[in-house]
Amino acid sequence: MLQSLSNVFKIPDLKKKILFTGLFLILYRLGSFIPTPGIDASVLKEIFSAPGSDRTLFGMFDMFVGGNFERASVFALGIMPYITASIVIQLLGSIIPYFEKLKKEGAEGQRKITQITRYGTLLIAAFNAIGISFFLQSLESATGMRAVNNPGFMFIFTTVVTMVTGTIVIMWLGEQITENGIGNGISLIIFAGIISRYPQGFALMFEMVRAGSMNIFVALVVLIVMVAVTASVILVTEATRKIPVQYAKRIVGRKMYGGQSTHIPLRVNSAGVIPIIFAQSVIMFPRTIATFFPESDAVNVIVRWLSPGHFLYTTLYVLLIVFFAYFYTAIILNPVEMAENMKKYGGFIPGKKPGKKTAEYINNVLTRITLPGAIFFAFIAVLPEFMSKFANLPFYFGGTGLIIIVGVALDTLQQIESHLVMRHYEGFMKKGKLRGRSS
C-alpha cells in the first residue's frame, strides 16, 4: 500500500490531477465559511444545536452540504440542486421520448442533457433559496433572538442571489475537478462535506471518554463496529451477480467476429444511495411541515410517530427504502433493452432463448438480488439510531453518509488504480481489482 502511494506521485500527470483535485476541494471548504449577509450566525448555531434539529428534512439536507446550511454560508444549497436536477432528467429519460432520444445520440445528446441539467439546477436553486430565505426569517432561538436582523424583501433578494451564485460556483468547481482532476467532482464535493464532520465527532467522543461520560470499553466496541460496518458496506457495494453471455461467431467480409464468452455484471445495489435519499425525504417531509404549525395534540402525535426511534418511523423507513430500491433499479436497468442489445450483436445467455425469455431471466435475477441489497442498506440507514441510542455516539455514523463515502472512495481509488496499471505500476490491490460503481 505504501509503495503504491509513493508510485502515485511518481507519475507527473496523476500527481497533477490529485493536487488539482485537492486544491479545488480546499477552495470549496473555504467558501463554506463565508456567511450569507444579514444573518446572525450565533443565533443560527444555537437553533441548530437544539435537540432533534438534525431529525428534520433540513437536518438531512445540512448533512449533504457539510454544515453549510447550519452556518447559512454562501454555499448553503451545496450541490443538491444539481443532484436533484440530474435525477429528474434521468427519470424523465425513461418517460419522455425526447430525453430518451437524447440519451441515444452519444456525445451531442449528452451535451444537450448537461445543458438542460444546468438550467434545471438554476431553477431548483432559486426555488430552494426563496424557501430557505422565508424559513430563516421565521427562525427564533429559545431566548427569543431572531436569526435574521432585518427581514424583508431586500434580505430575500440578497439571499436568493447569494445562494444561487454559490450553487453555480460549486457546480463549476465540480465540473473542473471531473475534467482536470481525479474522480467525479460532484461526488467528491458531497464526500468532502460529509467527511468534514467526522474528525470533530471523533474528538468529541474521545473527550467524553476522558471526562468519564463514556466508558472506554464502549468506545472500543463502537470503533470495532464502525470498522466492521464500513467493511460490510464495501463488500455489498462491490458485490455483483455475473450472468454469462456467449457471442456467436459472425463473418463480416473477410473477418470473423464474436465467438467469445463474457458476462453481464448486475450489482446487488444497482440503485446506489438514491433509495435512502428518497425514503428520507418522503418520511421527513410531513414531520418538517408539522413544525411550522402551532403546537396541538394532532401535530404532537405526527411529530412523535414520525420521529427516529419510533416503531412506525422505522417500519415505514425500511419499507420505503425497499420500494425505492426496486423502483429506481427498474428505471436505470431495462431487461428488455438489454436483451434486445444482446440479440442485435449475436449474444445469448446459455440455456435461454434470445428476446423475451432472456429479458424475463434478467428481470428475475434483478428481482432476487435487489431484495437482500435493499434490506442491507435499510439496516445501514437505521444504524445511526441504534448507535445513538445504545452507544450514546455524539456524531452521525452510518446511513446515507457512510454509503456515499464508501462509494465515492471506491470510485476514486479505481481511477487512481487505472492510472497506475496503465503506466506499469502495481495498483492498490495485488489480488483482484477494484471495480468502479454506478452512480
Protein backbone atom coordinates (compact mmCIF):
# COMPACT_ATOMS: atom_id res chain seq x y z
CA MET A 1 0.00 0.00 0.00
CA LEU A 2 2.76 2.47 0.94
CA GLN A 3 4.65 1.57 -2.24
CA SER A 4 1.51 2.22 -4.29
CA LEU A 5 1.04 5.61 -2.62
CA SER A 6 4.62 6.56 -3.44
CA ASN A 7 4.07 5.44 -7.04
CA VAL A 8 1.13 7.85 -7.32
CA PHE A 9 3.48 10.83 -7.04
CA LYS A 10 6.00 9.35 -9.48
CA ILE A 11 3.55 9.87 -12.35
CA PRO A 12 3.54 13.61 -13.24
CA ASP A 13 0.09 13.57 -14.86
CA LEU A 14 -1.54 11.71 -11.96
CA LYS A 15 0.25 13.87 -9.39
CA LYS A 16 -1.03 16.99 -11.15
CA LYS A 17 -4.61 15.66 -11.17
CA ILE A 18 -4.53 14.79 -7.46
CA LEU A 19 -3.07 18.16 -6.45
CA PHE A 20 -5.63 19.94 -8.66
CA THR A 21 -8.46 18.00 -7.00
CA GLY A 22 -7.11 18.74 -3.52
CA LEU A 23 -6.78 22.47 -4.27
CA PHE A 24 -10.36 22.79 -5.55
CA LEU A 25 -11.77 20.85 -2.59
CA ILE A 26 -9.90 23.24 -0.26
CA LEU A 27 -11.45 26.19 -2.13
CA TYR A 28 -14.87 24.62 -1.64
CA ARG A 29 -14.31 24.18 2.10
CA LEU A 30 -13.04 27.78 2.44
CA GLY A 31 -16.17 29.07 0.72
CA SER A 32 -18.26 27.07 3.18
CA PHE A 33 -17.34 29.54 5.93
CA ILE A 34 -18.34 32.74 4.08
CA PRO A 35 -21.68 33.80 5.65
CA THR A 36 -24.75 34.99 3.80
CA PRO A 37 -25.38 38.72 4.52
CA GLY A 38 -27.99 39.68 7.11
CA ILE A 39 -27.88 36.53 9.30
CA ASP A 40 -26.85 36.29 12.95
CA ALA A 41 -24.59 33.21 12.91
CA SER A 42 -24.57 32.78 16.70
CA VAL A 43 -28.37 32.60 16.86
CA LEU A 44 -28.47 30.18 13.93
CA LYS A 45 -25.93 27.92 15.65
CA GLU A 46 -27.99 27.93 18.84
CA ILE A 47 -31.14 26.95 16.90
CA PHE A 48 -29.45 24.08 15.03
CA SER A 49 -27.83 22.84 18.23
CA ALA A 50 -31.23 22.21 19.78
CA PRO A 51 -32.13 18.50 20.33
CA GLY A 52 -33.95 16.96 17.36
CA SER A 53 -32.96 19.66 14.86
CA ASP A 54 -30.98 17.10 12.86
CA ARG A 55 -34.05 14.85 12.57
CA THR A 56 -35.89 17.09 10.10
CA LEU A 57 -35.61 17.44 6.34
CA PHE A 58 -33.40 20.49 6.92
CA GLY A 59 -31.10 18.46 9.17
CA MET A 60 -30.72 15.78 6.49
CA PHE A 61 -30.10 18.48 3.88
CA ASP A 62 -27.42 20.04 6.11
CA MET A 63 -25.58 16.70 6.27
CA PHE A 64 -25.20 16.61 2.47
CA VAL A 65 -23.84 20.16 2.31
CA GLY A 66 -21.31 19.64 5.10
CA GLY A 67 -22.86 22.00 7.65
CA ASN A 68 -23.17 24.88 5.15
CA PHE A 69 -26.90 25.18 5.76
CA GLU A 70 -26.39 25.33 9.52
CA ARG A 71 -23.92 28.18 9.00
CA ALA A 72 -26.10 29.78 6.28
CA SER A 73 -22.97 30.22 4.17
CA VAL A 74 -22.91 31.26 0.52
CA PHE A 75 -22.69 27.52 -0.27
CA ALA A 76 -25.75 26.71 1.88
CA LEU A 77 -27.55 24.99 -1.00
CA GLY A 78 -24.49 22.89 -1.77
CA ILE A 79 -24.63 20.76 -4.90
CA MET A 80 -28.06 19.32 -4.05
CA PRO A 81 -29.96 21.37 -6.69
CA TYR A 82 -27.66 19.88 -9.35
CA ILE A 83 -28.17 16.37 -7.96
CA THR A 84 -31.95 16.88 -7.91
CA ALA A 85 -31.96 18.19 -11.49
CA SER A 86 -29.81 15.24 -12.64
CA ILE A 87 -32.15 12.71 -11.01
CA VAL A 88 -35.22 14.39 -12.51
CA ILE A 89 -33.66 14.37 -16.01
CA GLN A 90 -32.71 10.72 -15.54
CA LEU A 91 -36.28 9.84 -14.55
CA LEU A 92 -37.67 11.80 -17.50
CA GLY A 93 -35.33 9.83 -19.77
CA SER A 94 -37.46 6.73 -19.23
CA ILE A 95 -40.80 8.56 -19.55
CA ILE A 96 -40.50 11.32 -22.18
CA PRO A 97 -39.39 10.25 -25.69
CA TYR A 98 -37.36 13.46 -26.24
CA PHE A 99 -35.00 12.75 -23.35
CA GLU A 100 -34.83 9.07 -24.29
CA LYS A 101 -33.77 10.13 -27.80
CA LEU A 102 -31.08 12.46 -26.39
CA LYS A 103 -29.59 9.59 -24.36
CA LYS A 104 -29.08 7.62 -27.58
CA GLU A 105 -27.42 10.47 -29.52
CA GLY A 106 -23.98 9.96 -27.98
CA ALA A 107 -21.76 12.93 -27.14
CA GLU A 108 -24.03 15.54 -28.74
CA GLY A 109 -27.07 14.25 -26.86
CA GLN A 110 -25.11 14.19 -23.61
CA ARG A 111 -24.06 17.81 -24.18
CA LYS A 112 -27.72 18.85 -24.54
CA ILE A 113 -28.69 16.86 -21.45
CA THR A 114 -25.89 18.59 -19.48
CA GLN A 115 -27.12 22.00 -20.65
CA ILE A 116 -30.73 21.21 -19.68
CA THR A 117 -29.50 19.93 -16.29
CA ARG A 118 -27.71 23.23 -15.67
CA TYR A 119 -30.84 25.26 -16.44
CA GLY A 120 -32.82 22.94 -14.17
CA THR A 121 -30.22 23.45 -11.45
CA LEU A 122 -30.71 27.23 -11.60
CA LEU A 123 -34.50 26.92 -11.32
CA ILE A 124 -34.34 24.45 -8.42
CA ALA A 125 -31.65 26.52 -6.66
CA ALA A 126 -33.75 29.69 -6.99
CA PHE A 127 -36.85 27.89 -5.68
CA ASN A 128 -34.90 26.41 -2.75
CA ALA A 129 -33.24 29.74 -1.94
CA ILE A 130 -36.60 31.52 -1.78
CA GLY A 131 -37.97 28.86 0.57
CA ILE A 132 -34.85 28.96 2.74
CA SER A 133 -34.94 32.77 2.96
CA PHE A 134 -38.51 32.65 4.31
CA PHE A 135 -37.52 29.79 6.62
CA LEU A 136 -34.55 31.75 8.00
CA GLN A 137 -36.78 34.79 8.64
CA SER A 138 -39.10 32.63 10.75
CA LEU A 139 -36.34 31.17 12.94
CA GLU A 140 -36.19 32.25 16.55
CA SER A 141 -33.98 30.87 19.32
CA ALA A 142 -35.18 29.66 22.71
CA THR A 143 -34.05 33.01 24.18
CA GLY A 144 -36.23 34.97 21.73
CA MET A 145 -33.40 36.11 19.42
CA ARG A 146 -34.18 36.14 15.70
CA ALA A 147 -31.78 34.63 13.14
CA VAL A 148 -32.38 37.47 10.64
CA ASN A 149 -31.75 41.01 11.87
CA ASN A 150 -33.62 42.88 9.10
CA PRO A 151 -36.21 40.64 7.43
CA GLY A 152 -37.95 41.78 4.29
CA PHE A 153 -37.67 41.96 0.52
CA MET A 154 -34.01 43.03 0.44
CA PHE A 155 -32.98 40.12 2.67
CA ILE A 156 -34.89 37.64 0.48
CA PHE A 157 -33.43 39.11 -2.73
CA THR A 158 -29.86 39.15 -1.36
CA THR A 159 -30.17 35.59 -0.01
CA VAL A 160 -31.53 34.21 -3.29
CA VAL A 161 -28.82 35.89 -5.40
CA THR A 162 -26.06 34.81 -2.98
CA MET A 163 -27.13 31.17 -2.65
CA VAL A 164 -27.88 30.65 -6.35
CA THR A 165 -24.48 32.13 -7.20
CA GLY A 166 -22.90 29.81 -4.63
CA THR A 167 -24.54 26.79 -6.29
CA ILE A 168 -23.24 27.90 -9.70
CA VAL A 169 -19.71 28.21 -8.27
CA ILE A 170 -19.93 24.72 -6.69
CA MET A 171 -21.23 23.28 -9.97
CA TRP A 172 -18.27 24.87 -11.80
CA LEU A 173 -15.82 23.52 -9.19
CA GLY A 174 -17.26 20.03 -9.59
CA GLU A 175 -17.04 20.13 -13.38
CA GLN A 176 -13.43 21.36 -13.22
CA ILE A 177 -12.48 18.51 -10.89
CA THR A 178 -14.12 15.98 -13.23
CA GLU A 179 -12.35 17.37 -16.32
CA ASN A 180 -8.91 18.19 -14.89
CA GLY A 181 -8.69 16.28 -11.61
CA ILE A 182 -9.27 12.73 -10.44
CA GLY A 183 -12.67 11.21 -9.69
CA ASN A 184 -16.18 12.59 -10.11
CA GLY A 185 -16.13 16.23 -9.00
CA ILE A 186 -19.77 16.41 -7.86
CA SER A 187 -19.45 13.23 -5.80
CA LEU A 188 -16.16 14.39 -4.25
CA ILE A 189 -17.74 17.68 -3.15
CA ILE A 190 -20.51 15.77 -1.34
CA PHE A 191 -17.85 13.41 0.05
CA ALA A 192 -15.81 16.34 1.39
CA GLY A 193 -18.88 17.88 3.04
CA ILE A 194 -19.92 14.67 4.82
CA ILE A 195 -16.47 13.54 5.95
CA SER A 196 -15.58 17.02 7.28
CA ARG A 197 -17.79 16.30 10.30
CA TYR A 198 -16.06 13.07 11.29
CA PRO A 199 -12.85 14.48 12.88
CA GLN A 200 -14.84 16.76 15.20
CA GLY A 201 -17.14 13.85 16.10
CA PHE A 202 -14.25 11.53 16.97
CA ALA A 203 -12.59 14.30 19.01
CA LEU A 204 -15.85 14.80 20.94
CA MET A 205 -16.13 11.05 21.56
CA PHE A 206 -12.58 10.86 22.94
CA GLU A 207 -13.32 13.90 25.11
CA MET A 208 -16.36 12.06 26.51
CA VAL A 209 -14.12 9.06 27.32
CA ARG A 210 -11.60 11.33 29.04
CA ALA A 211 -14.35 13.05 31.03
CA GLY A 212 -15.84 9.70 32.06
CA SER A 213 -19.25 10.19 30.40
CA MET A 214 -18.46 7.30 28.00
CA ASN A 215 -16.92 4.00 29.09
CA ILE A 216 -13.64 3.22 27.32
CA PHE A 217 -14.83 -0.35 26.67
CA VAL A 218 -17.95 1.01 24.95
CA ALA A 219 -15.78 3.36 22.85
CA LEU A 220 -13.58 0.44 21.71
CA VAL A 221 -16.65 -1.64 20.80
CA VAL A 222 -18.05 1.32 18.85
CA LEU A 223 -14.79 1.68 16.89
CA ILE A 224 -14.76 -2.06 16.10
CA VAL A 225 -18.39 -1.89 14.95
CA MET A 226 -17.56 1.11 12.74
CA VAL A 227 -14.75 -0.79 11.04
CA ALA A 228 -16.91 -3.90 10.58
CA VAL A 229 -19.87 -1.93 9.20
CA THR A 230 -17.63 0.02 6.79
CA ALA A 231 -16.08 -3.25 5.55
CA SER A 232 -19.53 -4.79 5.04
CA VAL A 233 -20.72 -1.73 3.09
CA ILE A 234 -17.66 -2.02 0.83
CA LEU A 235 -18.36 -5.73 0.33
CA VAL A 236 -22.03 -5.23 -0.61
CA THR A 237 -21.28 -2.14 -2.75
CA GLU A 238 -18.81 -4.19 -4.81
CA ALA A 239 -20.96 -7.36 -4.88
CA THR A 240 -22.20 -8.40 -8.34
CA ARG A 241 -24.12 -11.26 -9.89
CA LYS A 242 -22.44 -12.26 -13.15
CA ILE A 243 -24.75 -13.53 -15.89
CA PRO A 244 -22.75 -15.49 -18.51
CA VAL A 245 -23.16 -14.34 -22.12
CA GLN A 246 -21.94 -16.17 -25.21
CA TYR A 247 -21.47 -14.39 -28.55
CA ALA A 248 -21.85 -16.47 -31.70
CA LYS A 249 -19.27 -16.30 -34.46
CA ARG A 250 -20.08 -13.95 -37.34
CA ILE A 251 -18.26 -13.43 -40.62
CA VAL A 252 -18.30 -9.84 -41.90
CA GLY A 253 -16.38 -9.52 -45.15
CA ARG A 254 -13.16 -11.42 -44.62
CA LYS A 255 -13.12 -11.03 -40.83
CA MET A 256 -14.64 -13.21 -38.16
CA TYR A 257 -16.28 -11.59 -35.14
CA GLY A 258 -17.66 -12.98 -31.88
CA GLY A 259 -17.16 -16.42 -30.51
CA GLN A 260 -16.06 -15.20 -27.08
CA SER A 261 -17.64 -15.63 -23.67
CA THR A 262 -18.29 -12.69 -21.34
CA HIS A 263 -20.75 -11.75 -18.61
CA ILE A 264 -23.20 -9.06 -17.53
CA PRO A 265 -22.32 -7.79 -14.03
CA LEU A 266 -25.53 -6.95 -12.15
CA ARG A 267 -24.86 -5.16 -8.89
CA VAL A 268 -26.62 -6.16 -5.69
CA ASN A 269 -27.08 -2.43 -5.05
CA SER A 270 -27.76 -1.10 -8.55
CA ALA A 271 -29.72 1.91 -7.26
CA GLY A 272 -26.88 3.15 -5.03
CA VAL A 273 -27.80 5.63 -2.31
CA ILE A 274 -30.84 7.07 -4.16
CA PRO A 275 -33.47 4.87 -2.39
CA ILE A 276 -32.31 6.08 1.04
CA ILE A 277 -32.39 9.73 -0.07
CA PHE A 278 -35.91 9.34 -1.49
CA ALA A 279 -37.12 7.46 1.59
CA GLN A 280 -35.66 10.06 3.97
CA SER A 281 -37.21 12.92 2.02
CA VAL A 282 -40.67 11.31 1.95
CA ILE A 283 -40.76 10.29 5.62
CA MET A 284 -39.27 13.53 6.96
CA PHE A 285 -41.44 15.85 4.88
CA PRO A 286 -44.67 15.54 6.99
CA ARG A 287 -42.71 15.99 10.23
CA THR A 288 -40.90 19.05 8.87
CA ILE A 289 -44.17 20.63 7.69
CA ALA A 290 -45.73 19.92 11.10
CA THR A 291 -43.07 22.04 12.81
CA PHE A 292 -44.41 25.15 11.03
CA PHE A 293 -47.87 24.78 12.61
CA PRO A 294 -48.81 25.81 16.16
CA GLU A 295 -48.47 23.05 18.74
CA SER A 296 -51.55 20.87 19.14
CA ASP A 297 -52.35 17.29 20.06
CA ALA A 298 -52.56 16.26 16.37
CA VAL A 299 -49.25 17.93 15.49
CA ASN A 300 -47.52 16.38 18.53
CA VAL A 301 -48.80 12.92 17.55
CA ILE A 302 -47.46 13.30 13.98
CA VAL A 303 -44.09 14.54 15.24
CA ARG A 304 -43.85 11.67 17.77
CA TRP A 305 -44.88 8.92 15.34
CA LEU A 306 -42.54 10.14 12.60
CA SER A 307 -39.58 10.70 14.90
CA PRO A 308 -36.49 8.46 14.57
CA GLY A 309 -36.64 5.61 17.04
CA HIS A 310 -40.43 5.22 16.90
CA PHE A 311 -41.66 1.84 15.59
CA LEU A 312 -43.84 3.43 12.87
CA TYR A 313 -40.97 5.62 11.64
CA THR A 314 -38.53 2.70 11.43
CA THR A 315 -41.05 0.40 9.73
CA LEU A 316 -42.08 2.99 7.11
CA TYR A 317 -38.44 3.96 6.54
CA VAL A 318 -37.37 0.37 5.81
CA LEU A 319 -40.37 -0.31 3.56
CA LEU A 320 -39.80 2.91 1.59
CA ILE A 321 -36.12 2.05 1.06
CA VAL A 322 -37.02 -1.39 -0.31
CA PHE A 323 -39.74 0.14 -2.53
CA PHE A 324 -37.47 2.85 -3.97
CA ALA A 325 -34.66 0.31 -4.49
CA TYR A 326 -36.91 -1.67 -6.83
CA PHE A 327 -38.38 1.49 -8.36
CA TYR A 328 -35.04 3.11 -9.22
CA THR A 329 -33.46 -0.18 -10.36
CA ALA A 330 -36.36 -0.62 -12.79
CA ILE A 331 -35.66 2.85 -14.19
CA ILE A 332 -31.90 2.57 -14.69
CA LEU A 333 -31.84 -1.08 -15.82
CA ASN A 334 -34.19 -2.21 -18.59
CA PRO A 335 -34.07 -6.01 -19.08
CA VAL A 336 -35.95 -5.77 -22.40
CA GLU A 337 -33.44 -3.28 -23.79
CA MET A 338 -30.52 -5.39 -22.53
CA ALA A 339 -31.97 -8.50 -24.19
CA GLU A 340 -32.52 -6.65 -27.48
CA ASN A 341 -28.94 -5.33 -27.50
CA MET A 342 -27.57 -8.83 -26.90
CA LYS A 343 -29.72 -10.24 -29.71
CA LYS A 344 -28.64 -7.44 -32.04
CA TYR A 345 -24.94 -8.32 -31.63
CA GLY A 346 -25.41 -12.09 -31.67
CA GLY A 347 -25.20 -12.62 -27.94
CA PHE A 348 -27.24 -15.05 -25.86
CA ILE A 349 -27.40 -16.46 -22.35
CA PRO A 350 -26.67 -20.20 -22.41
CA GLY A 351 -29.91 -22.15 -21.96
CA LYS A 352 -32.15 -19.11 -22.59
CA LYS A 353 -33.84 -18.18 -25.83
CA PRO A 354 -32.91 -14.69 -27.16
CA GLY A 355 -35.53 -12.00 -26.78
CA LYS A 356 -38.45 -12.31 -24.35
CA LYS A 357 -37.09 -15.31 -22.41
CA THR A 358 -33.73 -13.58 -21.91
CA ALA A 359 -35.46 -10.40 -20.68
CA GLU A 360 -37.57 -12.44 -18.23
CA TYR A 361 -34.48 -14.22 -16.92
CA ILE A 362 -32.57 -10.95 -16.37
CA ASN A 363 -35.63 -9.43 -14.67
CA ASN A 364 -35.94 -12.44 -12.33
CA VAL A 365 -32.25 -12.20 -11.39
CA LEU A 366 -32.58 -8.46 -10.72
CA THR A 367 -35.66 -9.05 -8.56
CA ARG A 368 -33.86 -11.67 -6.45
CA ILE A 369 -30.59 -9.79 -5.90
CA THR A 370 -32.20 -6.39 -5.26
CA LEU A 371 -34.09 -7.55 -2.16
CA PRO A 372 -31.07 -8.55 0.02
CA GLY A 373 -29.18 -5.46 -1.14
CA ALA A 374 -32.13 -3.20 -0.25
CA ILE A 375 -32.60 -4.85 3.17
CA PHE A 376 -28.88 -4.49 3.96
CA PHE A 377 -28.83 -0.79 3.09
CA ALA A 378 -32.06 -0.30 5.03
CA PHE A 379 -30.19 -1.70 8.04
CA ILE A 380 -27.31 0.72 7.40
CA ALA A 381 -29.84 3.56 7.13
CA VAL A 382 -31.34 2.89 10.59
CA LEU A 383 -27.93 2.13 12.13
CA PRO A 384 -27.36 5.74 13.35
CA GLU A 385 -30.45 5.45 15.56
CA PHE A 386 -29.12 2.31 17.26
CA MET A 387 -25.63 3.81 17.58
CA SER A 388 -27.05 6.94 19.15
CA LYS A 389 -29.42 5.07 21.48
CA PHE A 390 -27.21 2.25 22.74
CA ALA A 391 -23.70 3.74 22.44
CA ASN A 392 -24.52 7.43 23.05
CA LEU A 393 -22.46 8.26 19.95
CA PRO A 394 -22.06 12.06 19.74
CA PHE A 395 -22.00 12.19 15.92
CA TYR A 396 -23.81 10.75 12.91
CA PHE A 397 -22.31 7.47 11.70
CA GLY A 398 -23.78 5.15 9.10
CA GLY A 399 -26.79 5.77 6.93
CA THR A 400 -26.60 7.77 3.74
CA GLY A 401 -23.32 9.45 4.61
CA LEU A 402 -21.37 6.21 5.04
CA ILE A 403 -22.70 4.72 1.78
CA ILE A 404 -21.75 7.88 -0.13
CA ILE A 405 -18.28 7.97 1.44
CA VAL A 406 -17.60 4.31 0.58
CA GLY A 407 -18.95 4.63 -2.97
CA VAL A 408 -17.00 7.79 -3.82
CA ALA A 409 -13.80 6.47 -2.23
CA LEU A 410 -14.02 3.22 -4.23
CA ASP A 411 -14.71 5.10 -7.46
CA THR A 412 -11.75 7.46 -6.92
CA LEU A 413 -9.41 4.62 -5.95
CA GLN A 414 -10.46 2.74 -9.08
CA GLN A 415 -9.47 5.71 -11.25
CA ILE A 416 -6.11 6.06 -9.49
CA GLU A 417 -5.56 2.32 -9.87
CA SER A 418 -6.25 2.58 -13.62
CA HIS A 419 -3.56 5.26 -13.98
CA LEU A 420 -1.04 3.15 -12.05
CA VAL A 421 -1.69 -0.06 -14.00
CA MET A 422 -1.68 1.78 -17.34
CA ARG A 423 1.85 3.02 -16.58
CA HIS A 424 3.00 -0.44 -15.44
CA TYR A 425 2.94 0.32 -11.72
CA GLU A 426 1.45 -2.02 -9.14
CA GLY A 427 -2.02 -0.93 -8.08
CA PHE A 428 -3.52 -0.77 -4.59
CA MET A 429 -4.85 -4.32 -4.88
CA LYS A 430 -2.32 -7.10 -5.51
CA LYS A 431 -5.09 -9.66 -5.89
CA GLY A 432 -8.28 -8.82 -7.69
CA LYS A 433 -9.35 -5.45 -8.95
CA LEU A 434 -11.27 -2.50 -7.70
CA ARG A 435 -14.46 -2.02 -9.67
CA GLY A 436 -15.97 1.33 -10.40
CA ARG A 437 -19.50 1.87 -9.18
CA SER A 438 -22.60 3.07 -10.93
CA SER A 439 -23.58 6.48 -9.60
